[in-house]
Amino acid sequence: MSGINLTTTAAGLPQAWSSRLLGRVGPACVKVLRMDGLTVEEESHGADEALIVIDGRLELEVAGKHVPVRAGEMYTVAAGTVHAVRPGSHGTLVIVELAHD
C-alpha cells in the first residue's frame, strides 16, 4: 500500500463532516474528514476517541467547556463524554476510534 496524503484525501471528499475510512489498526478505525466551519451536534461514544488536527483548527465543546485543538495537536475524548463541534472548525481531521460492528 502506498502512503495517503491526508489533506488531499479530505479535500476530495464530497461533503464536509463525512469521514472516509483509511484503514484499521487492530480493533481501531482510522478515518479522515474535512471540517468546514459548521457545527456538529452533541454526541458521546462508548469508547475513547482520538481527534488529530492535521491542518486548520477544531473548536470543541467538551462537557460544557471550550477546547481549541490546533494543527499538529491531538485531543482524546473519554468514553461517555458529551462533546460537540463549535462554529469555526476548519481543515483536516483524523479520527481514531474503535470499529463499530
N, C-alpha and C. Protein backbone atom coordinates (compact mmCIF):
# COMPACT_ATOMS: atom_id res chain seq x y z
N MET A 1 0.85 -1.17 0.00
CA MET A 1 0.00 0.00 0.00
C MET A 1 0.89 1.24 0.00
N SER A 2 0.50 2.23 -0.76
CA SER A 2 1.27 3.47 -0.79
C SER A 2 0.78 4.41 0.31
N GLY A 3 1.53 5.49 0.51
CA GLY A 3 1.14 6.47 1.51
C GLY A 3 -0.14 7.20 1.11
N ILE A 4 -0.76 7.80 2.09
CA ILE A 4 -2.00 8.54 1.86
C ILE A 4 -1.77 9.99 2.25
N ASN A 5 -2.05 10.91 1.34
CA ASN A 5 -1.98 12.33 1.65
C ASN A 5 -3.30 12.69 2.33
N LEU A 6 -3.24 12.95 3.62
CA LEU A 6 -4.46 13.18 4.40
C LEU A 6 -5.20 14.44 3.96
N THR A 7 -4.47 15.51 3.69
CA THR A 7 -5.10 16.77 3.29
C THR A 7 -5.81 16.63 1.95
N THR A 8 -5.14 16.01 0.99
CA THR A 8 -5.73 15.82 -0.34
C THR A 8 -6.94 14.90 -0.26
N THR A 9 -6.84 13.84 0.52
CA THR A 9 -7.96 12.90 0.66
C THR A 9 -9.17 13.60 1.26
N ALA A 10 -8.94 14.38 2.33
CA ALA A 10 -10.06 15.10 2.97
C ALA A 10 -10.67 16.12 2.03
N ALA A 11 -9.83 16.84 1.29
CA ALA A 11 -10.33 17.87 0.37
C ALA A 11 -11.17 17.27 -0.75
N GLY A 12 -10.89 16.02 -1.11
CA GLY A 12 -11.63 15.35 -2.18
C GLY A 12 -12.93 14.71 -1.75
N LEU A 13 -13.25 14.74 -0.47
CA LEU A 13 -14.50 14.13 -0.01
C LEU A 13 -15.69 14.96 -0.50
N PRO A 14 -16.80 14.30 -0.86
CA PRO A 14 -17.94 15.02 -1.43
C PRO A 14 -18.62 16.00 -0.48
N GLN A 15 -18.55 15.75 0.82
CA GLN A 15 -19.15 16.70 1.76
C GLN A 15 -18.36 16.72 3.06
N ALA A 16 -18.40 17.89 3.69
CA ALA A 16 -17.70 18.05 4.96
C ALA A 16 -18.37 17.19 6.03
N TRP A 17 -17.59 16.84 7.03
CA TRP A 17 -18.04 16.06 8.19
C TRP A 17 -18.49 14.66 7.81
N SER A 18 -18.18 14.22 6.60
CA SER A 18 -18.45 12.86 6.17
C SER A 18 -17.09 12.16 6.08
N SER A 19 -16.83 11.27 7.01
CA SER A 19 -15.49 10.68 7.10
C SER A 19 -15.27 9.56 6.09
N ARG A 20 -14.00 9.33 5.81
CA ARG A 20 -13.59 8.21 4.95
C ARG A 20 -12.67 7.31 5.75
N LEU A 21 -13.00 6.04 5.78
CA LEU A 21 -12.16 5.06 6.46
C LEU A 21 -10.87 4.87 5.67
N LEU A 22 -9.75 5.08 6.34
CA LEU A 22 -8.45 4.90 5.70
C LEU A 22 -7.88 3.51 5.95
N GLY A 23 -8.21 2.94 7.11
CA GLY A 23 -7.70 1.62 7.44
C GLY A 23 -7.99 1.27 8.89
N ARG A 24 -7.54 0.10 9.27
CA ARG A 24 -7.72 -0.40 10.64
C ARG A 24 -6.37 -0.74 11.23
N VAL A 25 -6.26 -0.46 12.52
CA VAL A 25 -5.08 -0.84 13.29
C VAL A 25 -5.61 -1.61 14.48
N GLY A 26 -5.45 -2.94 14.46
CA GLY A 26 -6.06 -3.75 15.49
C GLY A 26 -7.57 -3.51 15.47
N PRO A 27 -8.17 -3.24 16.64
CA PRO A 27 -9.62 -3.01 16.67
C PRO A 27 -10.02 -1.57 16.35
N ALA A 28 -9.05 -0.71 16.04
CA ALA A 28 -9.36 0.70 15.81
C ALA A 28 -9.48 1.03 14.32
N CYS A 29 -10.38 1.97 14.02
CA CYS A 29 -10.53 2.53 12.68
C CYS A 29 -9.81 3.87 12.64
N VAL A 30 -9.18 4.16 11.51
CA VAL A 30 -8.56 5.45 11.29
C VAL A 30 -9.32 6.10 10.14
N LYS A 31 -9.89 7.28 10.43
CA LYS A 31 -10.72 7.98 9.45
C LYS A 31 -10.20 9.40 9.24
N VAL A 32 -10.49 9.96 8.08
CA VAL A 32 -10.16 11.35 7.80
C VAL A 32 -11.43 12.07 7.35
N LEU A 33 -11.52 13.36 7.67
CA LEU A 33 -12.64 14.16 7.20
C LEU A 33 -12.23 15.60 7.05
N ARG A 34 -13.08 16.35 6.37
CA ARG A 34 -12.86 17.77 6.13
C ARG A 34 -13.84 18.55 6.99
N MET A 35 -13.30 19.50 7.75
CA MET A 35 -14.13 20.39 8.57
C MET A 35 -14.40 21.65 7.76
N ASP A 36 -15.61 22.20 7.86
CA ASP A 36 -15.98 23.32 7.00
C ASP A 36 -16.52 24.55 7.74
N GLY A 37 -16.27 24.68 9.01
CA GLY A 37 -16.71 25.86 9.74
C GLY A 37 -18.06 25.70 10.42
N LEU A 38 -18.83 24.70 10.02
CA LEU A 38 -20.15 24.50 10.61
C LEU A 38 -20.06 23.68 11.89
N THR A 39 -21.15 23.63 12.62
CA THR A 39 -21.20 22.91 13.89
C THR A 39 -21.60 21.45 13.69
N VAL A 40 -21.31 20.64 14.69
CA VAL A 40 -21.79 19.27 14.77
C VAL A 40 -22.41 19.12 16.15
N GLU A 41 -23.62 18.60 16.20
CA GLU A 41 -24.37 18.50 17.45
C GLU A 41 -23.67 17.61 18.47
N GLU A 42 -24.08 17.77 19.72
CA GLU A 42 -23.53 16.97 20.82
C GLU A 42 -23.67 15.48 20.55
N GLU A 43 -22.65 14.74 20.97
CA GLU A 43 -22.67 13.29 20.86
C GLU A 43 -21.75 12.72 21.93
N SER A 44 -21.87 11.44 22.15
CA SER A 44 -20.92 10.72 23.01
C SER A 44 -20.77 9.32 22.44
N HIS A 45 -19.70 8.66 22.84
CA HIS A 45 -19.39 7.33 22.29
C HIS A 45 -19.11 6.36 23.43
N GLY A 46 -19.22 5.09 23.13
CA GLY A 46 -18.98 4.05 24.13
C GLY A 46 -17.52 3.75 24.38
N ALA A 47 -16.64 4.37 23.59
CA ALA A 47 -15.20 4.16 23.75
C ALA A 47 -14.49 5.50 23.54
N ASP A 48 -13.24 5.58 24.03
CA ASP A 48 -12.44 6.78 23.80
C ASP A 48 -12.27 6.99 22.30
N GLU A 49 -12.07 8.27 21.90
CA GLU A 49 -11.72 8.56 20.51
C GLU A 49 -10.63 9.62 20.50
N ALA A 50 -9.70 9.47 19.59
CA ALA A 50 -8.62 10.44 19.43
C ALA A 50 -8.94 11.31 18.22
N LEU A 51 -8.84 12.63 18.41
CA LEU A 51 -9.09 13.61 17.35
C LEU A 51 -7.77 14.31 17.07
N ILE A 52 -7.25 14.16 15.86
CA ILE A 52 -5.95 14.69 15.47
C ILE A 52 -6.14 15.72 14.37
N VAL A 53 -5.78 16.96 14.63
CA VAL A 53 -5.92 18.03 13.64
C VAL A 53 -4.65 18.07 12.79
N ILE A 54 -4.81 17.82 11.51
CA ILE A 54 -3.69 17.82 10.58
C ILE A 54 -3.39 19.25 10.13
N ASP A 55 -4.42 19.97 9.73
CA ASP A 55 -4.29 21.38 9.41
C ASP A 55 -5.60 22.07 9.78
N GLY A 56 -5.52 23.36 10.02
CA GLY A 56 -6.71 24.11 10.44
C GLY A 56 -6.85 24.12 11.95
N ARG A 57 -8.09 24.04 12.40
CA ARG A 57 -8.37 24.15 13.84
C ARG A 57 -9.72 23.50 14.14
N LEU A 58 -9.78 22.76 15.22
CA LEU A 58 -11.01 22.14 15.71
C LEU A 58 -11.45 22.89 16.96
N GLU A 59 -12.66 23.39 16.93
CA GLU A 59 -13.24 24.09 18.09
C GLU A 59 -14.22 23.13 18.75
N LEU A 60 -13.79 22.49 19.83
CA LEU A 60 -14.62 21.53 20.54
C LEU A 60 -15.30 22.17 21.73
N GLU A 61 -16.41 21.59 22.11
CA GLU A 61 -17.01 21.86 23.41
C GLU A 61 -17.11 20.50 24.08
N VAL A 62 -16.42 20.35 25.19
CA VAL A 62 -16.35 19.07 25.89
C VAL A 62 -16.87 19.28 27.31
N ALA A 63 -17.96 18.59 27.63
CA ALA A 63 -18.57 18.70 28.95
C ALA A 63 -18.79 20.17 29.34
N GLY A 64 -19.24 20.96 28.35
CA GLY A 64 -19.57 22.37 28.60
C GLY A 64 -18.41 23.34 28.54
N LYS A 65 -17.19 22.87 28.26
CA LYS A 65 -16.02 23.74 28.20
C LYS A 65 -15.49 23.84 26.77
N HIS A 66 -15.06 25.05 26.38
CA HIS A 66 -14.46 25.26 25.07
C HIS A 66 -13.05 24.69 25.06
N VAL A 67 -12.75 23.86 24.06
CA VAL A 67 -11.42 23.24 23.93
C VAL A 67 -10.95 23.43 22.49
N PRO A 68 -10.05 24.41 22.26
CA PRO A 68 -9.49 24.55 20.91
C PRO A 68 -8.38 23.52 20.69
N VAL A 69 -8.38 22.90 19.50
CA VAL A 69 -7.34 21.94 19.14
C VAL A 69 -6.73 22.44 17.84
N ARG A 70 -5.45 22.76 17.87
CA ARG A 70 -4.77 23.37 16.73
C ARG A 70 -4.07 22.33 15.86
N ALA A 71 -3.65 22.76 14.69
CA ALA A 71 -2.90 21.89 13.77
C ALA A 71 -1.71 21.28 14.48
N GLY A 72 -1.54 19.98 14.32
CA GLY A 72 -0.44 19.27 14.95
C GLY A 72 -0.75 18.78 16.35
N GLU A 73 -1.97 19.05 16.84
CA GLU A 73 -2.36 18.62 18.18
C GLU A 73 -3.39 17.49 18.12
N MET A 74 -3.46 16.75 19.23
CA MET A 74 -4.43 15.67 19.37
C MET A 74 -5.18 15.88 20.67
N TYR A 75 -6.48 15.56 20.64
CA TYR A 75 -7.30 15.61 21.84
C TYR A 75 -8.02 14.27 21.95
N THR A 76 -7.99 13.66 23.12
CA THR A 76 -8.69 12.40 23.34
C THR A 76 -9.95 12.67 24.13
N VAL A 77 -11.08 12.24 23.58
CA VAL A 77 -12.36 12.37 24.25
C VAL A 77 -12.64 11.04 24.94
N ALA A 78 -12.80 11.08 26.24
CA ALA A 78 -13.04 9.86 27.02
C ALA A 78 -14.42 9.28 26.70
N ALA A 79 -14.52 7.98 26.78
CA ALA A 79 -15.80 7.28 26.55
C ALA A 79 -16.89 7.90 27.41
N GLY A 80 -18.07 8.10 26.81
CA GLY A 80 -19.23 8.61 27.52
C GLY A 80 -19.25 10.12 27.72
N THR A 81 -18.19 10.82 27.29
CA THR A 81 -18.13 12.28 27.46
C THR A 81 -18.89 12.97 26.34
N VAL A 82 -19.81 13.84 26.72
CA VAL A 82 -20.57 14.60 25.73
C VAL A 82 -19.67 15.67 25.13
N HIS A 83 -19.65 15.73 23.79
CA HIS A 83 -18.84 16.73 23.10
C HIS A 83 -19.54 17.16 21.81
N ALA A 84 -19.21 18.37 21.37
CA ALA A 84 -19.80 18.93 20.16
C ALA A 84 -18.74 19.77 19.46
N VAL A 85 -18.96 20.04 18.17
CA VAL A 85 -18.07 20.90 17.41
C VAL A 85 -18.70 22.28 17.32
N ARG A 86 -17.93 23.29 17.70
CA ARG A 86 -18.39 24.67 17.68
C ARG A 86 -18.12 25.28 16.31
N PRO A 87 -18.77 26.41 16.02
CA PRO A 87 -18.51 27.09 14.74
C PRO A 87 -17.04 27.48 14.60
N GLY A 88 -16.57 27.52 13.36
CA GLY A 88 -15.21 27.95 13.08
C GLY A 88 -14.21 26.83 12.89
N SER A 89 -14.61 25.59 13.12
CA SER A 89 -13.71 24.46 12.89
C SER A 89 -13.49 24.32 11.39
N HIS A 90 -12.23 24.20 10.98
CA HIS A 90 -11.92 24.07 9.56
C HIS A 90 -10.61 23.31 9.38
N GLY A 91 -10.48 22.67 8.25
CA GLY A 91 -9.25 21.94 7.94
C GLY A 91 -9.45 20.44 7.87
N THR A 92 -8.38 19.72 8.19
CA THR A 92 -8.37 18.26 8.07
C THR A 92 -8.27 17.63 9.45
N LEU A 93 -9.16 16.67 9.69
CA LEU A 93 -9.23 15.99 10.98
C LEU A 93 -9.10 14.49 10.77
N VAL A 94 -8.26 13.85 11.59
CA VAL A 94 -8.15 12.39 11.61
C VAL A 94 -8.77 11.93 12.91
N ILE A 95 -9.62 10.90 12.81
CA ILE A 95 -10.29 10.31 13.98
C ILE A 95 -9.83 8.86 14.12
N VAL A 96 -9.43 8.50 15.33
CA VAL A 96 -9.08 7.10 15.63
C VAL A 96 -10.06 6.64 16.69
N GLU A 97 -10.82 5.59 16.36
CA GLU A 97 -11.85 5.09 17.26
C GLU A 97 -12.01 3.60 17.07
N LEU A 98 -12.64 2.96 18.05
CA LEU A 98 -12.92 1.52 17.90
C LEU A 98 -13.90 1.30 16.77
N ALA A 99 -13.69 0.22 16.05
CA ALA A 99 -14.58 -0.13 14.94
C ALA A 99 -15.97 -0.45 15.47
N HIS A 100 -16.98 -0.02 14.73
CA HIS A 100 -18.36 -0.34 15.06
C HIS A 100 -18.80 -1.49 14.20
N ASP A 101 -19.19 -2.58 14.82
CA ASP A 101 -19.63 -3.75 14.03
C ASP A 101 -21.11 -3.70 13.78
